[in-house]
Every structure is written in C-alpha cells, then in structure tokens.
Amino acid sequence: MLVPACISYLIQKGNPGVRLADLVIGLEAIKIHGRLNRDIKGISYNSKHTEKDYIFVAIEGLKHDGHQYIDDALSRGASTLVVSKDPDILPDGATVIRVADTRLALSRLSASYYGSPSKSFDLIGVTGTNGKTTTAYLVKSILESSHIRTGLIGSLGLYIDDHFESTSHTTPESLELQQMFRRMADVGVKACVMEVSSHSIELERINDCDFDTGIFTNLTHEHLDFHKTMEHYYEVKRKLFFSTKRTNIVNIDDQFGRRLANELLEAKRPIISYGIYNKADVHARDILIKDGGSSFTLVSPAGTIEITSALPGKYNVYNSLAAAACCLELGIGLETVRQGLEAVKGIPGRFERINIRDNINVIIDYAHTPDGFVQLLETVKSFARGRIIIVFGCVGERDRSKRSVMGRIAAEYCDLSILTTDNCRLEDPGDIIEEIKQGIPHTANNIEILDRAEAIRYAILNSRENDTILITGKGHEHRQIINEEAFYFNETEIVEQARDELLKMVGMTV
C-alpha cells in the first residue's frame, strides 16, 4: 500500500528527530507492523553503523543479505526495520515496514530524511565507460572559473569547493549521496557534477537524485560480468537521460551515443550533441595532439574559440567538448569555458607523468578497459621516441572476457608487456595472467612478475634512453586488494623509490 500523506503525528517537544510518519510518505509499503508516531535519529543499511532510534534498511546485496543482521541492528538501538521479507519473529516495540524493494526504499527514505537536497542546486550526471572522471573534473573547473560554488562526487572522491574527502565507490550508496548533497546545500553549493556508474543506476542508488543535466561520454566493453550483454549495459545507462529535467549532452561519434541521441529526439527530450567526426552542435576542428597536451578550435552555437589544453590525447578533446557543451548550456561564456579547460594541468591517476631521468618517462593511468587501452596507447604511440613498456594486470572476480583482448592490445602497441597483479581479490593471480596471455601472440615480448611493486621496479631499473613506461589499471587508487585484504599501495611512491635507486646505480644525484 502507498503510505498516505494524511498520516500526521506531533513531534514530542525537545526531540530533534524526524517523524517516521513523515519519512514514509510515498513509500510503497506492503505491510506495516507497529507504530509510525516515533522520532527517527538516522538511517543505516549496515548494522554496525546503527544507533538508537535509527531505521535499519535490510538490503539483499551481491554477497550479503542485510536481513541476516536484523538482530544486530536491533541490539544497537534500531527502532524501525525496513525489510523485503518478514522477520522470523516480529520484534517487540519496533516498527517493521515490508516493501518489495529495499534498495528503492533506502533511496526514498534517505532523500526524505535529508530534505531532498539535490533540488537546491544544479545536478549534472556524467556517465559512460571512459572519460567520466576527466569530464567531471573539467566541468568543475569551468564552473569554478565562473565563480560558481561547486561540488564533485566521483572516482577521485568528494570535493566541496576545495575540500576533499576520499570515497569507496565511484557513485556512493543512496544514503551517503543524500548526506553529501545535504552538506553541499548547507554551505551554499550551486552546482554539483557527479560521475554516475552503471552499477549505481542498476542498484537504484540515484533514484531520488534530482538531475538537471546528463552527459554521455561513450559505451565500450566493460562490466559484462555484471550486465552480461552490451545491450543491457546500454539500457541501464540510458535510464539517466530520461530522468533529467533540463537537457542531455551526448557524444554522437560513439555508436551508442548516436542511438541515444535518436531515442531522446524521438521522445522530444532536448539534447546537445558533441563530437569530432559527425556533425554536432559542439565540435572540434584543427586538432593538434602533442606530447605535452593538445590544442583545437572549439566550435559551438555560442561562437568559436581556440583551446590549448595540458591534457594529451584525442580522448581528452572529447572530454573537453563534453564539459564545454554542458557549461555553455548553463549560460557560461566562451572565454570562461576556455579559462576553465586550460586551468586543468593534470588529473590524479590520469596520464600522470613522472620524469625518471632525461628522456625516460613513466605515465600512471587508470586505463583498465580495451577502449581505454587503445586510446591511451595511440596517444603514447604518437609521440614516443623509443620503446613503449607497459605494466598491467586485470582485476579479479570481474569481467573475464576483456582480459585476452587487453593482452592483444598491449602486444600490438608495446615493445614489452610486464604482466602483473591488479586487485585480484579471491581469484588466483596466476589464472588471471594466463587469461591475459591468451590474447598475446607467441612472438610478442612479455614477462610475468606477480608482485606489482616489483614489476614497476623492474620496468624502471631496466629502462633505456627514450623509453616510455606505462603503469595502468590503478591510477589514483592507493590500495591493492589481494584475497580479502586491502594493502596500502601508492604507485607514485613506488615509482619515485625506483627512480632514486636507478639514479644511484648510474651515479647521478638523487
């Protein structure tokens, strides 16, 4: 049953809580046991984070079922349970609300508890296989160049203005999202740009986010362990663009982007297209890719302007076009767009360059998909003067179908592939490498070093003049997951230590 809006109870004087009756308005409840005239002090979906007078939402996750932790939540003070199946024994004194979908319930309760804060600012969602982080970062830079207080949520973490906090997911769970939005609204943020992962859409984390604008970067081979087919992967991503209030920014050089643009137009939903090769509203011409960045002419309905970017690669031209199209639609001027794009000198873990010695460079990059590999390697190939050496692995317990493909791509572009571990989780690292090797021709030059730090060290200590060493897959991440343990793992620090060792070997001053 739909809990009616007419239910109303008085809050006890002096109690700072929110009424359960008010929170459940609009919640599609199947059954309610217990009273609704109680005050709620918080919401949790992890029993360990439950406190007195909390709502505990029992989510059936990919590995764990929250219903197994109901007793623990009650022992910690939960006064209300939201479940999708009835407890074996109804708890004394607690309210039990049964719903069909507890993930959907968590999203709606969280938005209601925090006062639907995303309605108070422009919310921009960026989705696609590759380019989400860079595009979001560029949008943030342009908005700030226009003196708009801005928040960002994504792979790099949470930014509120210049304040930074790390996060565990590209798109956090709905409860954490609404908490972050509330914090932004309370300090006067006027725009938030957020990376939207396909997992977050499928798992209903963003259902009660009030999106104004959606940005579609591209769709390529990834997450098929979860989505099974590219068609389902596309259908999940597509949902974001039919929930936006204002407009959508779509890459029509991407085959799925063209399909999305056509479907949006058929539905009479406004879009702004961007691209390089197809006729688009916002496009680039006179593109020049250099070792130290790129330059191009940005052409838009608002006019034409020259851009000189510190971000190399054609893929970063696409990211720049997406960010520019979004901000132009928000009414930001061309000159401010240019200033914002050019202000970004680098992004953590994205083509992050470390000079080892004269004419030897290391590049740390997050590339971990076949398309990401091709884009990165084509860029490096365009300026590399010597050997290209790549250090990479593939994550465990994830899409196995891309492993051999990435092995083949690495062998095609690189002079040496050093195969190593990534986040193996519970999967045998040797088995992962064997699957990567299935795509590598027997004539290709590759070695295996399971210890990732040692693999990086080997690449640097055995480097030659003019070599370019790529370390891919982890990028900005500062941990490696082996079995069920997460270890501190900072690739920048490992590279710098190996560099110092190399310089001592050759008699140079560190």
Protein backbone atom coordinates (compact mmCIF):
# COMPACT_ATOMS: atom_id res chain seq x y z
CA MET A 1 0.00 0.00 0.00
CA LEU A 2 1.12 3.56 -0.58
CA VAL A 3 1.57 5.24 2.79
CA PRO A 4 -0.79 8.24 2.64
CA ALA A 5 0.33 11.82 3.12
CA CYS A 6 -2.50 12.44 5.58
CA ILE A 7 -0.80 10.48 8.38
CA SER A 8 0.35 13.11 10.88
CA TYR A 9 1.73 12.89 14.39
CA LEU A 10 3.14 15.56 16.70
CA ILE A 11 6.84 15.50 17.50
CA GLN A 12 7.48 15.40 21.22
CA LYS A 13 8.72 18.73 22.49
CA GLY A 14 12.52 18.95 22.52
CA ASN A 15 13.04 15.84 20.39
CA PRO A 16 15.26 16.75 17.40
CA GLY A 17 14.31 13.69 15.38
CA VAL A 18 12.30 13.41 12.18
CA ARG A 19 8.93 11.69 12.34
CA LEU A 20 8.78 8.22 10.84
CA ALA A 21 5.27 9.03 9.61
CA ASP A 22 6.66 11.89 7.52
CA LEU A 23 9.57 9.84 6.17
CA VAL A 24 7.40 7.02 4.86
CA ILE A 25 5.04 9.26 2.88
CA GLY A 26 5.09 7.91 -0.67
CA LEU A 27 6.89 4.70 0.32
CA GLU A 28 5.24 1.70 -1.34
CA ALA A 29 4.71 -0.42 1.76
CA ILE A 30 3.25 -3.91 1.52
CA LYS A 31 2.72 -4.27 5.25
CA ILE A 32 3.36 -2.15 8.36
CA HIS A 33 3.68 -3.63 11.84
CA GLY A 34 3.99 -1.22 14.74
CA ARG A 35 3.56 2.49 15.18
CA LEU A 36 4.60 5.37 12.96
CA ASN A 37 4.44 8.09 15.63
CA ARG A 38 8.10 7.77 16.57
CA ASP A 39 11.11 10.01 16.02
CA ILE A 40 13.98 8.87 13.82
CA LYS A 41 17.56 9.96 14.52
CA GLY A 42 19.21 8.37 11.47
CA ILE A 43 19.20 5.68 8.79
CA SER A 44 21.60 2.80 8.20
CA TYR A 45 21.93 -0.25 5.95
CA ASN A 46 24.97 -1.59 7.80
CA SER A 47 24.06 -2.94 11.23
CA LYS A 48 27.44 -1.82 12.62
CA HIS A 49 26.53 1.79 11.85
CA THR A 50 23.13 1.57 13.55
CA GLU A 51 22.35 3.65 16.64
CA LYS A 52 19.41 4.32 18.92
CA ASP A 53 16.19 5.31 17.13
CA TYR A 54 17.61 4.51 13.67
CA ILE A 55 15.84 2.98 10.71
CA PHE A 56 17.72 -0.14 9.60
CA VAL A 57 17.14 -0.99 5.93
CA ALA A 58 17.89 -4.65 5.16
CA ILE A 59 19.39 -4.78 1.67
CA GLU A 60 19.96 -8.03 -0.18
CA GLY A 61 23.43 -7.32 -1.58
CA LEU A 62 25.60 -9.15 -4.09
CA LYS A 63 27.40 -11.04 -1.31
CA HIS A 64 25.50 -10.43 1.92
CA ASP A 65 21.83 -10.25 2.90
CA GLY A 66 21.04 -7.46 5.36
CA HIS A 67 18.16 -9.49 6.77
CA GLN A 68 20.77 -11.67 8.49
CA TYR A 69 21.88 -8.65 10.55
CA ILE A 70 18.47 -7.54 11.87
CA ASP A 71 19.16 -8.81 15.38
CA ASP A 72 22.45 -6.92 15.48
CA ALA A 73 20.75 -3.72 14.30
CA LEU A 74 18.07 -4.09 16.97
CA SER A 75 20.68 -4.69 19.66
CA ARG A 76 22.32 -1.39 18.68
CA GLY A 77 19.08 0.55 19.07
CA ALA A 78 17.22 0.36 15.74
CA SER A 79 13.59 1.29 16.29
CA THR A 80 12.39 0.61 12.75
CA LEU A 81 13.15 -2.13 10.25
CA VAL A 82 12.56 -1.85 6.52
CA VAL A 83 12.58 -5.34 5.00
CA SER A 84 11.63 -7.20 1.85
CA LYS A 85 10.80 -10.40 3.74
CA ASP A 86 9.21 -10.79 7.15
CA PRO A 87 11.49 -11.50 10.14
CA ASP A 88 11.08 -14.94 11.70
CA ILE A 89 9.89 -13.26 14.91
CA LEU A 90 8.40 -9.77 14.99
CA PRO A 91 10.50 -7.72 17.43
CA ASP A 92 8.78 -6.20 20.47
CA GLY A 93 8.43 -2.44 20.32
CA ALA A 94 9.99 -1.98 16.90
CA THR A 95 8.19 -0.93 13.74
CA VAL A 96 8.57 -3.27 10.77
CA ILE A 97 7.81 -2.00 7.26
CA ARG A 98 7.84 -4.56 4.48
CA VAL A 99 8.43 -3.33 0.94
CA ALA A 100 9.05 -5.01 -2.40
CA ASP A 101 12.44 -3.34 -2.95
CA THR A 102 14.58 -2.24 0.00
CA ARG A 103 17.15 -0.51 -2.25
CA LEU A 104 14.41 1.71 -3.63
CA ALA A 105 13.14 2.27 -0.09
CA LEU A 106 16.64 3.26 1.12
CA SER A 107 16.89 5.83 -1.67
CA ARG A 108 13.49 7.37 -0.93
CA LEU A 109 13.94 7.38 2.84
CA SER A 110 17.41 8.94 2.54
CA ALA A 111 16.22 11.73 0.25
CA SER A 112 13.26 12.41 2.53
CA TYR A 113 15.36 12.36 5.72
CA TYR A 114 17.84 14.89 4.30
CA GLY A 115 15.18 17.08 2.72
CA SER A 116 15.78 16.25 -0.98
CA PRO A 117 18.87 18.50 -1.05
CA SER A 118 19.73 17.96 -4.74
CA LYS A 119 16.70 20.08 -5.63
CA SER A 120 18.56 23.12 -4.29
CA PHE A 121 21.38 23.16 -6.88
CA ASP A 122 22.16 22.16 -10.46
CA LEU A 123 22.98 18.45 -10.51
CA ILE A 124 24.98 17.22 -13.51
CA GLY A 125 25.37 13.47 -14.03
CA VAL A 126 28.24 12.14 -16.15
CA THR A 127 28.09 8.55 -17.35
CA GLY A 128 29.84 6.34 -19.89
CA THR A 129 32.53 3.68 -19.90
CA ASN A 130 35.51 6.02 -20.16
CA GLY A 131 36.05 9.72 -19.55
CA LYS A 132 33.67 10.24 -16.62
CA THR A 133 36.31 11.41 -14.16
CA THR A 134 38.11 13.78 -16.51
CA THR A 135 34.87 15.24 -17.87
CA ALA A 136 33.51 15.83 -14.36
CA TYR A 137 36.80 17.42 -13.31
CA LEU A 138 36.71 19.75 -16.34
CA VAL A 139 33.10 20.75 -15.68
CA LYS A 140 34.04 21.58 -12.09
CA SER A 141 36.96 23.72 -13.28
CA ILE A 142 34.78 25.69 -15.72
CA LEU A 143 32.06 26.26 -13.12
CA GLU A 144 34.63 27.50 -10.63
CA SER A 145 36.13 29.79 -13.27
CA SER A 146 32.66 31.30 -13.43
CA HIS A 147 32.72 31.75 -9.61
CA ILE A 148 30.01 29.15 -9.06
CA ARG A 149 30.38 27.20 -5.81
CA THR A 150 30.75 23.62 -6.95
CA GLY A 151 30.75 20.08 -5.58
CA LEU A 152 32.05 16.92 -7.25
CA ILE A 153 31.38 13.25 -6.49
CA GLY A 154 33.27 10.54 -8.36
CA SER A 155 36.15 8.10 -8.60
CA LEU A 156 38.62 10.59 -7.14
CA GLY A 157 36.39 11.23 -4.13
CA LEU A 158 34.21 14.05 -2.80
CA TYR A 159 35.01 17.71 -3.39
CA ILE A 160 33.09 20.58 -1.83
CA ASP A 161 34.81 23.66 -3.20
CA ASP A 162 38.49 22.85 -2.44
CA HIS A 163 37.75 20.50 0.46
CA PHE A 164 38.46 16.86 -0.44
CA GLU A 165 37.46 13.52 1.09
CA SER A 166 38.08 10.03 -0.29
CA THR A 167 35.15 7.72 -1.04
CA SER A 168 34.86 3.98 -1.60
CA HIS A 169 32.73 3.94 -4.77
CA THR A 170 32.55 5.96 -7.99
CA THR A 171 28.91 6.64 -7.10
CA PRO A 172 28.24 6.10 -3.37
CA GLU A 173 25.18 4.35 -1.95
CA SER A 174 22.00 6.44 -1.89
CA LEU A 175 22.26 7.18 1.85
CA GLU A 176 25.78 8.59 1.51
CA LEU A 177 24.80 10.51 -1.63
CA GLN A 178 21.98 12.30 0.13
CA GLN A 179 24.26 13.06 3.08
CA MET A 180 26.80 14.60 0.69
CA PHE A 181 24.12 16.62 -1.09
CA ARG A 182 22.86 17.92 2.25
CA ARG A 183 26.34 19.10 3.18
CA MET A 184 26.69 20.84 -0.18
CA ALA A 185 23.32 22.55 0.10
CA ASP A 186 24.07 23.71 3.65
CA VAL A 187 27.25 25.54 2.59
CA GLY A 188 25.70 27.16 -0.47
CA VAL A 189 26.92 24.95 -3.32
CA LYS A 190 25.12 25.98 -6.52
CA ALA A 191 26.19 23.13 -8.81
CA CYS A 192 27.32 19.54 -8.32
CA VAL A 193 28.84 17.34 -11.01
CA MET A 194 28.66 13.62 -10.31
CA GLU A 195 30.02 10.52 -12.01
CA VAL A 196 27.19 8.03 -12.44
CA SER A 197 28.27 4.40 -12.72
CA SER A 198 26.11 1.75 -14.34
CA HIS A 199 26.14 -0.18 -11.07
CA SER A 200 24.66 2.82 -9.25
CA ILE A 201 21.82 3.05 -11.77
CA GLU A 202 21.07 -0.67 -11.70
CA LEU A 203 21.27 -0.81 -7.90
CA GLU A 204 18.95 2.22 -7.54
CA ARG A 205 21.43 4.47 -5.74
CA ILE A 206 20.49 7.52 -7.84
CA ASN A 207 16.71 7.08 -8.00
CA ASP A 208 15.96 10.13 -5.87
CA CYS A 209 18.69 12.39 -7.23
CA ASP A 210 17.24 15.44 -8.95
CA PHE A 211 19.31 15.57 -12.16
CA ASP A 212 19.22 18.68 -14.30
CA THR A 213 21.72 17.61 -16.97
CA GLY A 214 23.12 14.29 -18.18
CA ILE A 215 26.40 13.79 -20.06
CA PHE A 216 27.04 10.64 -22.13
CA THR A 217 30.71 10.06 -22.98
CA ASN A 218 30.82 6.65 -24.69
CA LEU A 219 29.97 2.98 -24.22
CA THR A 220 32.55 0.24 -24.75
CA HIS A 221 33.37 -3.24 -23.46
CA GLU A 222 33.22 -3.23 -19.64
CA HIS A 223 31.30 -4.66 -16.65
CA LEU A 224 29.91 -7.59 -18.63
CA ASP A 225 30.36 -9.77 -15.55
CA PHE A 226 27.55 -7.67 -14.06
CA HIS A 227 25.47 -6.64 -17.07
CA LYS A 228 26.08 -9.80 -19.18
CA THR A 229 25.47 -8.07 -22.54
CA MET A 230 26.29 -4.72 -24.13
CA GLU A 231 22.58 -4.27 -24.79
CA HIS A 232 21.72 -4.48 -21.11
CA TYR A 233 24.70 -2.26 -20.27
CA TYR A 234 23.32 0.36 -22.66
CA GLU A 235 19.75 0.07 -21.37
CA VAL A 236 20.97 0.73 -17.83
CA LYS A 237 23.00 3.81 -18.85
CA ARG A 238 20.08 5.08 -20.92
CA LYS A 239 17.86 5.46 -17.83
CA LEU A 240 19.78 8.50 -16.59
CA PHE A 241 18.91 10.56 -19.66
CA PHE A 242 15.19 10.04 -19.34
CA SER A 243 15.23 11.39 -15.78
CA THR A 244 16.94 14.76 -16.39
CA LYS A 245 14.96 17.99 -16.04
CA ARG A 246 16.80 20.24 -18.47
CA THR A 247 18.93 18.67 -21.19
CA ASN A 248 21.40 15.96 -22.13
CA ILE A 249 24.90 16.23 -23.64
CA VAL A 250 25.64 13.30 -25.97
CA ASN A 251 28.73 12.13 -27.89
CA ILE A 252 27.39 11.29 -31.35
CA ASP A 253 30.74 9.93 -32.57
CA ASP A 254 30.05 6.93 -30.33
CA GLN A 255 27.69 4.34 -31.85
CA PHE A 256 25.66 4.05 -28.65
CA GLY A 257 25.68 7.82 -28.31
CA ARG A 258 24.09 8.18 -31.75
CA ARG A 259 21.44 5.66 -30.78
CA LEU A 260 20.79 7.50 -27.52
CA ALA A 261 20.56 10.86 -29.31
CA ASN A 262 17.97 9.46 -31.74
CA GLU A 263 15.91 7.95 -28.94
CA LEU A 264 15.98 11.19 -26.96
CA LEU A 265 14.92 13.20 -30.01
CA GLU A 266 12.08 10.76 -30.72
CA ALA A 267 10.93 11.25 -27.13
CA LYS A 268 11.14 15.05 -27.67
CA ARG A 269 13.76 15.42 -24.95
CA PRO A 270 16.28 18.23 -25.57
CA ILE A 271 19.87 17.27 -26.34
CA ILE A 272 23.13 18.98 -27.26
CA SER A 273 25.41 16.80 -29.36
CA TYR A 274 29.18 16.90 -29.39
CA GLY A 275 31.84 15.16 -31.43
CA ILE A 276 34.71 15.44 -33.86
CA TYR A 277 33.75 13.44 -36.94
CA ASN A 278 29.96 13.70 -37.10
CA LYS A 279 28.01 16.93 -37.47
CA ALA A 280 27.48 18.03 -33.88
CA ASP A 281 26.26 21.13 -32.07
CA VAL A 282 29.62 21.44 -30.31
CA HIS A 283 32.65 20.12 -32.15
CA ALA A 284 36.40 20.49 -32.58
CA ARG A 285 38.49 21.25 -35.63
CA ASP A 286 42.20 21.86 -36.27
CA ILE A 287 43.13 19.30 -33.62
CA LEU A 288 46.81 19.02 -32.76
CA ILE A 289 47.91 16.31 -30.31
CA LYS A 290 51.29 16.91 -28.70
CA ASP A 291 53.48 15.25 -26.08
CA GLY A 292 52.57 17.91 -23.56
CA GLY A 293 48.87 18.29 -24.34
CA SER A 294 46.61 19.25 -27.22
CA SER A 295 45.15 22.24 -29.00
CA PHE A 296 41.97 22.61 -31.02
CA THR A 297 39.34 25.05 -32.16
CA LEU A 298 36.11 24.75 -30.19
CA VAL A 299 33.09 25.42 -32.41
CA SER A 300 29.69 25.96 -30.80
CA PRO A 301 26.40 27.84 -31.29
CA ALA A 302 27.85 30.45 -28.90
CA GLY A 303 30.87 31.02 -31.13
CA THR A 304 34.37 29.75 -31.85
CA ILE A 305 37.44 29.86 -29.64
CA GLU A 306 40.97 28.39 -29.57
CA ILE A 307 41.73 25.95 -26.74
CA THR A 308 45.18 24.90 -25.55
CA SER A 309 44.88 22.01 -23.13
CA ALA A 310 47.52 20.40 -20.92
CA LEU A 311 45.68 17.08 -21.29
CA PRO A 312 47.08 14.94 -24.15
CA GLY A 313 45.15 12.63 -26.46
CA LYS A 314 42.13 12.85 -28.70
CA TYR A 315 40.04 11.27 -25.97
CA ASN A 316 40.69 14.35 -23.85
CA VAL A 317 39.49 16.55 -26.69
CA TYR A 318 36.20 14.63 -26.42
CA ASN A 319 36.17 15.14 -22.65
CA SER A 320 36.79 18.86 -23.15
CA LEU A 321 33.95 19.10 -25.68
CA ALA A 322 31.55 17.38 -23.29
CA ALA A 323 32.44 19.74 -20.44
CA ALA A 324 32.25 22.78 -22.71
CA ALA A 325 28.86 21.79 -24.14
CA CYS A 326 27.46 21.30 -20.63
CA CYS A 327 28.70 24.63 -19.32
CA LEU A 328 27.72 26.59 -22.42
CA GLU A 329 24.19 25.23 -21.95
CA LEU A 330 24.30 26.55 -18.38
CA GLY A 331 24.92 30.03 -19.80
CA ILE A 332 28.64 30.28 -19.12
CA GLY A 333 30.53 32.35 -21.69
CA LEU A 334 33.07 31.01 -24.18
CA GLU A 335 36.02 32.84 -22.63
CA THR A 336 35.22 31.42 -19.20
CA VAL A 337 34.89 27.95 -20.74
CA ARG A 338 38.36 28.37 -22.22
CA GLN A 339 39.78 29.53 -18.90
CA GLY A 340 38.26 26.56 -17.08
CA LEU A 341 39.53 24.00 -19.59
CA GLU A 342 43.02 25.46 -19.67
CA ALA A 343 43.22 25.75 -15.88
CA VAL A 344 43.34 21.94 -15.56
CA LYS A 345 47.01 20.94 -15.73
CA GLY A 346 46.51 17.34 -14.76
CA ILE A 347 44.18 14.90 -13.02
CA PRO A 348 45.36 12.38 -10.41
CA GLY A 349 45.94 8.96 -11.95
CA ARG A 350 45.01 10.11 -15.47
CA PHE A 351 48.09 10.34 -17.72
CA GLU A 352 50.06 11.30 -14.62
CA ARG A 353 53.65 11.74 -15.76
CA ILE A 354 56.77 11.25 -13.63
CA ASN A 355 60.18 12.06 -15.08
CA ILE A 356 62.68 9.33 -14.23
CA ARG A 357 65.72 10.87 -15.89
CA ASP A 358 66.45 12.65 -19.14
CA ASN A 359 64.33 11.15 -21.93
CA ILE A 360 62.73 8.46 -19.76
CA ASN A 361 59.15 8.99 -18.61
CA VAL A 362 56.71 7.00 -16.52
CA ILE A 363 52.98 7.51 -17.06
CA ILE A 364 50.49 6.31 -14.45
CA ASP A 365 46.98 5.92 -15.86
CA TYR A 366 43.68 4.40 -14.79
CA ALA A 367 43.05 2.73 -18.19
CA HIS A 368 41.55 -0.69 -17.45
CA THR A 369 39.26 -1.38 -20.41
CA PRO A 370 40.06 -2.37 -24.01
CA ASP A 371 38.94 1.01 -25.35
CA GLY A 372 40.84 2.83 -22.60
CA PHE A 373 43.96 0.87 -23.57
CA VAL A 374 43.63 1.79 -27.24
CA GLN A 375 43.04 5.48 -26.53
CA LEU A 376 46.00 5.68 -24.15
CA LEU A 377 48.39 3.67 -26.31
CA GLU A 378 47.53 5.51 -29.53
CA THR A 379 48.29 8.78 -27.73
CA VAL A 380 51.63 7.50 -26.43
CA LYS A 381 52.50 5.98 -29.81
CA SER A 382 52.06 9.40 -31.44
CA PHE A 383 54.98 10.91 -29.54
CA ALA A 384 57.08 8.00 -28.18
CA ARG A 385 60.69 8.15 -29.38
CA GLY A 386 61.79 4.78 -28.05
CA ARG A 387 60.34 1.62 -26.57
CA ILE A 388 56.87 1.52 -25.02
CA ILE A 389 56.80 -0.68 -21.92
CA ILE A 390 53.52 -1.43 -20.17
CA VAL A 391 52.97 -2.80 -16.67
CA PHE A 392 49.42 -4.07 -16.16
CA GLY A 393 47.11 -6.75 -14.89
CA CYS A 394 43.36 -7.31 -14.69
CA VAL A 395 41.11 -7.25 -11.64
CA GLY A 396 39.85 -10.48 -10.17
CA GLU A 397 36.21 -11.54 -9.88
CA ARG A 398 35.22 -9.11 -12.62
CA ASP A 399 34.66 -9.19 -16.39
CA ARG A 400 36.93 -12.02 -17.60
CA SER A 401 36.03 -11.56 -21.26
CA LYS A 402 38.18 -8.43 -21.61
CA ARG A 403 41.41 -9.97 -20.32
CA SER A 404 42.67 -11.59 -23.53
CA VAL A 405 41.53 -8.53 -25.51
CA MET A 406 43.68 -6.28 -23.35
CA GLY A 407 46.60 -8.67 -23.73
CA ARG A 408 46.29 -8.47 -27.51
CA ILE A 409 46.08 -4.66 -27.50
CA ALA A 410 49.13 -4.37 -25.25
CA ALA A 411 51.14 -6.67 -27.53
CA GLU A 412 50.08 -4.69 -30.61
CA TYR A 413 51.25 -1.32 -29.29
CA CYS A 414 54.04 -2.12 -26.82
CA ASP A 415 57.58 -3.40 -27.13
CA LEU A 416 57.38 -5.14 -23.75
CA SER A 417 54.40 -6.14 -21.60
CA ILE A 418 55.09 -6.82 -17.93
CA LEU A 419 52.12 -8.82 -16.68
CA THR A 420 51.36 -8.43 -13.01
CA THR A 421 48.57 -8.23 -10.45
CA ASP A 422 45.78 -5.71 -10.02
CA ASN A 423 43.04 -6.13 -7.41
CA CYS A 424 42.95 -9.92 -7.58
CA ARG A 425 40.54 -10.31 -4.69
CA LEU A 426 39.96 -14.05 -4.13
CA GLU A 427 40.93 -15.08 -7.67
CA ASP A 428 44.29 -16.75 -8.32
CA PRO A 429 46.60 -14.09 -9.87
CA GLY A 430 48.32 -16.74 -11.98
CA ASP A 431 45.00 -17.72 -13.54
CA ILE A 432 44.23 -14.07 -14.37
CA ILE A 433 47.59 -13.67 -16.13
CA GLU A 434 47.06 -16.90 -18.09
CA GLU A 435 43.79 -15.47 -19.43
CA ILE A 436 45.55 -12.22 -20.41
CA LYS A 437 48.21 -14.26 -22.23
CA GLN A 438 45.59 -15.99 -24.35
CA GLY A 439 45.39 -12.80 -26.42
CA ILE A 440 49.15 -12.27 -26.71
CA PRO A 441 50.88 -13.70 -29.80
CA HIS A 442 53.76 -16.10 -29.12
CA THR A 443 56.13 -13.70 -30.89
CA ALA A 444 55.31 -10.81 -28.53
CA ASN A 445 57.75 -9.81 -25.81
CA ASN A 446 56.26 -10.25 -22.33
CA ILE A 447 57.29 -11.31 -18.86
CA GLU A 448 55.37 -12.11 -15.66
CA ILE A 449 56.12 -10.55 -12.27
CA LEU A 450 53.28 -11.18 -9.82
CA ASP A 451 54.45 -8.65 -7.23
CA ARG A 452 53.13 -5.37 -8.70
CA ALA A 453 55.66 -3.19 -6.88
CA GLU A 454 58.49 -5.41 -8.11
CA ALA A 455 57.07 -5.29 -11.65
CA ILE A 456 57.15 -1.47 -11.57
CA ARG A 457 60.67 -1.54 -10.14
CA TYR A 458 61.84 -3.95 -12.87
CA ALA A 459 60.47 -1.72 -15.63
CA ILE A 460 62.27 1.34 -14.28
CA LEU A 461 65.60 -0.30 -13.42
CA ASN A 462 65.77 -1.89 -16.87
CA SER A 463 64.72 1.22 -18.79
CA ARG A 464 66.72 2.72 -21.64
CA GLU A 465 67.02 6.19 -23.07
CA ASN A 466 63.80 7.41 -24.76
CA ASP A 467 61.66 4.68 -23.13
CA THR A 468 58.08 5.40 -22.11
CA ILE A 469 56.83 3.22 -19.25
CA LEU A 470 53.08 2.92 -18.75
CA ILE A 471 51.65 1.68 -15.47
CA THR A 472 47.93 1.12 -15.97
CA GLY A 473 44.85 -0.02 -14.13
CA LYS A 474 45.06 1.56 -10.69
CA GLY A 475 45.66 5.23 -11.45
CA HIS A 476 44.66 7.32 -8.42
CA GLU A 477 43.94 4.31 -6.19
CA HIS A 478 46.14 3.92 -3.13
CA ARG A 479 45.36 0.33 -2.21
CA GLN A 480 45.61 -3.13 -3.69
CA ILE A 481 43.17 -5.89 -2.79
CA ILE A 482 44.64 -9.40 -2.55
CA ASN A 483 42.40 -12.13 -1.16
CA GLU A 484 40.21 -10.25 1.34
CA GLU A 485 42.85 -7.74 2.47
CA ALA A 486 43.39 -4.22 1.18
CA PHE A 487 47.03 -3.10 1.33
CA TYR A 488 48.34 0.46 1.06
CA PHE A 489 49.76 0.76 -2.45
CA ASN A 490 50.81 4.14 -3.84
CA GLU A 491 52.26 3.79 -7.33
CA THR A 492 53.69 7.30 -7.35
CA GLU A 493 55.75 6.49 -4.25
CA ILE A 494 56.89 3.16 -5.72
CA VAL A 495 57.97 4.87 -8.95
CA GLU A 496 59.87 7.56 -7.07
CA GLN A 497 61.68 4.98 -4.92
CA ALA A 498 62.68 3.01 -8.03
CA ARG A 499 63.80 6.22 -9.71
CA ASP A 500 66.06 7.06 -6.79
CA GLU A 501 67.51 3.56 -6.91
CA LEU A 502 68.14 3.89 -10.65
CA LEU A 503 69.84 7.25 -10.29
CA LYS A 504 72.17 5.87 -7.63
CA MET A 505 73.00 2.95 -9.91
CA VAL A 506 74.07 5.28 -12.71
CA GLY A 507 75.89 7.63 -10.36
CA MET A 508 73.51 10.57 -10.58
CA THR A 509 72.41 12.78 -7.68
CA VAL A 510 69.01 11.87 -6.27
